[in-house]
Amino acid sequence: MLTKENLLNRITVDPTIMLGKPVIKGTRMTVQFILNLLAQWLLG
């Protein structure tokens, strides 16, 4: 089961990756991008 701590451990911030925006660890997918995809899916 995913807990809040497990989810937060998957997010990293590094000033050398995507200008320091929060990203999913091991990728260059920003948290903002994922949240926008989710919002678009929810709004249809």
PDB file of N, CA and C in Angstrom:
ATOM      1  N   MET A   1       0.835  -1.189   0.000  1.00  0.00           N
ATOM      2  CA  MET A   1       0.000   0.000   0.000  1.00  0.00           C
ATOM      3  C   MET A   1       0.876   1.247   0.000  1.00  0.00           C
ATOM      4  N   LEU A   2       0.458   2.228  -0.781  1.00  0.00           N
ATOM      5  CA  LEU A   2       1.219   3.470  -0.837  1.00  0.00           C
ATOM      6  C   LEU A   2       0.816   4.378   0.313  1.00  0.00           C
ATOM      7  N   THR A   3       1.800   4.795   1.055  1.00  0.00           N
ATOM      8  CA  THR A   3       1.566   5.752   2.133  1.00  0.00           C
ATOM      9  C   THR A   3       2.069   7.113   1.682  1.00  0.00           C
ATOM     10  N   LYS A   4       1.731   8.118   2.439  1.00  0.00           N
ATOM     11  CA  LYS A   4       2.183   9.476   2.129  1.00  0.00           C
ATOM     12  C   LYS A   4       3.709   9.529   2.042  1.00  0.00           C
ATOM     13  N   GLU A   5       4.374   8.848   2.979  1.00  0.00           N
ATOM     14  CA  GLU A   5       5.842   8.854   3.003  1.00  0.00           C
ATOM     15  C   GLU A   5       6.407   8.153   1.762  1.00  0.00           C
ATOM     16  N   ASN A   6       5.798   7.031   1.364  1.00  0.00           N
ATOM     17  CA  ASN A   6       6.257   6.323   0.167  1.00  0.00           C
ATOM     18  C   ASN A   6       6.121   7.187  -1.075  1.00  0.00           C
ATOM     19  N   LEU A   7       5.001   7.887  -1.176  1.00  0.00           N
ATOM     20  CA  LEU A   7       4.794   8.756  -2.333  1.00  0.00           C
ATOM     21  C   LEU A   7       5.795   9.901  -2.345  1.00  0.00           C
ATOM     22  N   LEU A   8       6.027  10.511  -1.188  1.00  0.00           N
ATOM     23  CA  LEU A   8       6.960  11.633  -1.126  1.00  0.00           C
ATOM     24  C   LEU A   8       8.401  11.185  -1.391  1.00  0.00           C
ATOM     25  N   ASN A   9       8.734   9.944  -1.077  1.00  0.00           N
ATOM     26  CA  ASN A   9      10.076   9.437  -1.361  1.00  0.00           C
ATOM     27  C   ASN A   9      10.325   9.288  -2.858  1.00  0.00           C
ATOM     28  N   ARG A  10       9.280   9.288  -3.648  1.00  0.00           N
ATOM     29  CA  ARG A  10       9.421   9.166  -5.108  1.00  0.00           C
ATOM     30  C   ARG A  10       9.653  10.512  -5.782  1.00  0.00           C
ATOM     31  N   ILE A  11       9.555  11.593  -5.024  1.00  0.00           N
ATOM     32  CA  ILE A  11       9.733  12.941  -5.571  1.00  0.00           C
ATOM     33  C   ILE A  11      11.086  13.474  -5.139  1.00  0.00           C
ATOM     34  N   THR A  12      11.795  14.073  -6.088  1.00  0.00           N
ATOM     35  CA  THR A  12      13.108  14.630  -5.786  1.00  0.00           C
ATOM     36  C   THR A  12      13.234  16.023  -6.394  1.00  0.00           C
ATOM     37  N   VAL A  13      14.088  16.840  -5.802  1.00  0.00           N
ATOM     38  CA  VAL A  13      14.367  18.182  -6.314  1.00  0.00           C
ATOM     39  C   VAL A  13      15.876  18.304  -6.464  1.00  0.00           C
ATOM     40  N   ASP A  14      16.296  18.639  -7.685  1.00  0.00           N
ATOM     41  CA  ASP A  14      17.719  18.797  -7.991  1.00  0.00           C
ATOM     42  C   ASP A  14      17.851  19.997  -8.919  1.00  0.00           C
ATOM     43  N   PRO A  15      18.619  21.003  -8.535  1.00  0.00           N
ATOM     44  CA  PRO A  15      18.722  22.206  -9.367  1.00  0.00           C
ATOM     45  C   PRO A  15      19.277  21.939 -10.769  1.00  0.00           C
ATOM     46  N   THR A  16      19.909  20.789 -10.979  1.00  0.00           N
ATOM     47  CA  THR A  16      20.454  20.488 -12.306  1.00  0.00           C
ATOM     48  C   THR A  16      19.463  19.724 -13.189  1.00  0.00           C
ATOM     49  N   ILE A  17      18.299  19.374 -12.637  1.00  0.00           N
ATOM     50  CA  ILE A  17      17.291  18.636 -13.408  1.00  0.00           C
ATOM     51  C   ILE A  17      16.029  19.475 -13.485  1.00  0.00           C
ATOM     52  N   MET A  18      15.580  19.761 -14.691  1.00  0.00           N
ATOM     53  CA  MET A  18      14.347  20.509 -14.952  1.00  0.00           C
ATOM     54  C   MET A  18      14.297  21.830 -14.171  1.00  0.00           C
ATOM     55  N   LEU A  19      15.418  22.508 -14.117  1.00  0.00           N
ATOM     56  CA  LEU A  19      15.535  23.818 -13.457  1.00  0.00           C
ATOM     57  C   LEU A  19      15.119  23.790 -11.990  1.00  0.00           C
ATOM     58  N   GLY A  20      15.283  22.633 -11.347  1.00  0.00           N
ATOM     59  CA  GLY A  20      14.999  22.529  -9.928  1.00  0.00           C
ATOM     60  C   GLY A  20      13.554  22.254  -9.572  1.00  0.00           C
ATOM     61  N   LYS A  21      12.705  21.997 -10.579  1.00  0.00           N
ATOM     62  CA  LYS A  21      11.310  21.672 -10.290  1.00  0.00           C
ATOM     63  C   LYS A  21      11.239  20.268  -9.688  1.00  0.00           C
ATOM     64  N   PRO A  22      10.254  20.008  -8.846  1.00  0.00           N
ATOM     65  CA  PRO A  22      10.093  18.657  -8.300  1.00  0.00           C
ATOM     66  C   PRO A  22       9.785  17.668  -9.424  1.00  0.00           C
ATOM     67  N   VAL A  23      10.499  16.542  -9.438  1.00  0.00           N
ATOM     68  CA  VAL A  23      10.311  15.525 -10.473  1.00  0.00           C
ATOM     69  C   VAL A  23      10.136  14.162  -9.822  1.00  0.00           C
ATOM     70  N   ILE A  24       9.597  13.221 -10.598  1.00  0.00           N
ATOM     71  CA  ILE A  24       9.506  11.841 -10.161  1.00  0.00           C
ATOM     72  C   ILE A  24      10.922  11.268 -10.233  1.00  0.00           C
ATOM     73  N   LYS A  25      11.380  10.684  -9.143  1.00  0.00           N
ATOM     74  CA  LYS A  25      12.758  10.197  -9.036  1.00  0.00           C
ATOM     75  C   LYS A  25      13.102   9.271 -10.196  1.00  0.00           C
ATOM     76  N   GLY A  26      14.247   9.497 -10.821  1.00  0.00           N
ATOM     77  CA  GLY A  26      14.717   8.666 -11.928  1.00  0.00           C
ATOM     78  C   GLY A  26      14.152   9.059 -13.273  1.00  0.00           C
ATOM     79  N   THR A  27      13.343  10.131 -13.314  1.00  0.00           N
ATOM     80  CA  THR A  27      12.766  10.589 -14.579  1.00  0.00           C
ATOM     81  C   THR A  27      12.966  12.095 -14.704  1.00  0.00           C
ATOM     82  N   ARG A  28      12.508  12.628 -15.794  1.00  0.00           N
ATOM     83  CA  ARG A  28      12.451  14.080 -15.965  1.00  0.00           C
ATOM     84  C   ARG A  28      10.996  14.533 -16.087  1.00  0.00           C
ATOM     85  N   MET A  29      10.115  13.753 -15.485  1.00  0.00           N
ATOM     86  CA  MET A  29       8.693  14.106 -15.476  1.00  0.00           C
ATOM     87  C   MET A  29       8.408  14.922 -14.223  1.00  0.00           C
ATOM     88  N   THR A  30       7.985  16.168 -14.425  1.00  0.00           N
ATOM     89  CA  THR A  30       7.731  17.025 -13.275  1.00  0.00           C
ATOM     90  C   THR A  30       6.423  16.638 -12.597  1.00  0.00           C
ATOM     91  N   VAL A  31       6.365  16.941 -11.322  1.00  0.00           N
ATOM     92  CA  VAL A  31       5.145  16.702 -10.559  1.00  0.00           C
ATOM     93  C   VAL A  31       4.017  17.538 -11.160  1.00  0.00           C
ATOM     94  N   GLN A  32       4.319  18.737 -11.593  1.00  0.00           N
ATOM     95  CA  GLN A  32       3.320  19.600 -12.214  1.00  0.00           C
ATOM     96  C   GLN A  32       2.733  18.934 -13.461  1.00  0.00           C
ATOM     97  N   PHE A  33       3.563  18.311 -14.277  1.00  0.00           N
ATOM     98  CA  PHE A  33       3.110  17.620 -15.472  1.00  0.00           C
ATOM     99  C   PHE A  33       2.146  16.489 -15.114  1.00  0.00           C
ATOM    100  N   ILE A  34       2.514  15.678 -14.107  1.00  0.00           N
ATOM    101  CA  ILE A  34       1.671  14.562 -13.679  1.00  0.00           C
ATOM    102  C   ILE A  34       0.339  15.079 -13.140  1.00  0.00           C
ATOM    103  N   LEU A  35       0.375  16.129 -12.335  1.00  0.00           N
ATOM    104  CA  LEU A  35      -0.867  16.680 -11.788  1.00  0.00           C
ATOM    105  C   LEU A  35      -1.752  17.266 -12.885  1.00  0.00           C
ATOM    106  N   ASN A  36      -1.145  17.888 -13.889  1.00  0.00           N
ATOM    107  CA  ASN A  36      -1.924  18.405 -15.018  1.00  0.00           C
ATOM    108  C   ASN A  36      -2.576  17.271 -15.794  1.00  0.00           C
ATOM    109  N   LEU A  37      -1.855  16.176 -16.013  1.00  0.00           N
ATOM    110  CA  LEU A  37      -2.449  15.016 -16.693  1.00  0.00           C
ATOM    111  C   LEU A  37      -3.634  14.471 -15.904  1.00  0.00           C
ATOM    112  N   LEU A  38      -3.467  14.359 -14.606  1.00  0.00           N
ATOM    113  CA  LEU A  38      -4.535  13.864 -13.752  1.00  0.00           C
ATOM    114  C   LEU A  38      -5.748  14.787 -13.798  1.00  0.00           C
ATOM    115  N   ALA A  39      -5.514  16.090 -13.740  1.00  0.00           N
ATOM    116  CA  ALA A  39      -6.609  17.058 -13.783  1.00  0.00           C
ATOM    117  C   ALA A  39      -7.356  16.982 -15.114  1.00  0.00           C
ATOM    118  N   GLN A  40      -6.640  16.849 -16.219  1.00  0.00           N
ATOM    119  CA  GLN A  40      -7.281  16.731 -17.524  1.00  0.00           C
ATOM    120  C   GLN A  40      -8.116  15.477 -17.613  1.00  0.00           C
ATOM    121  N   TRP A  41      -7.600  14.385 -17.062  1.00  0.00           N
ATOM    122  CA  TRP A  41      -8.340  13.127 -17.079  1.00  0.00           C
ATOM    123  C   TRP A  41      -9.608  13.231 -16.236  1.00  0.00           C
ATOM    124  N   LEU A  42      -9.496  13.857 -15.062  1.00  0.00           N
ATOM    125  CA  LEU A  42     -10.655  14.003 -14.194  1.00  0.00           C
ATOM    126  C   LEU A  42     -11.721  14.910 -14.785  1.00  0.00           C
ATOM    127  N   LEU A  43     -11.298  15.956 -15.488  1.00  0.00           N
ATOM    128  CA  LEU A  43     -12.240  16.913 -16.066  1.00  0.00           C
ATOM    129  C   LEU A  43     -12.797  16.436 -17.411  1.00  0.00           C
ATOM    130  N   GLY A  44     -12.172  15.388 -17.947  1.00  0.00           N
ATOM    131  CA  GLY A  44     -12.664  14.786 -19.187  1.00  0.00           C
ATOM    132  C   GLY A  44     -12.378  15.644 -20.352  1.00  0.00           C
TER     133      GLY A  44
END
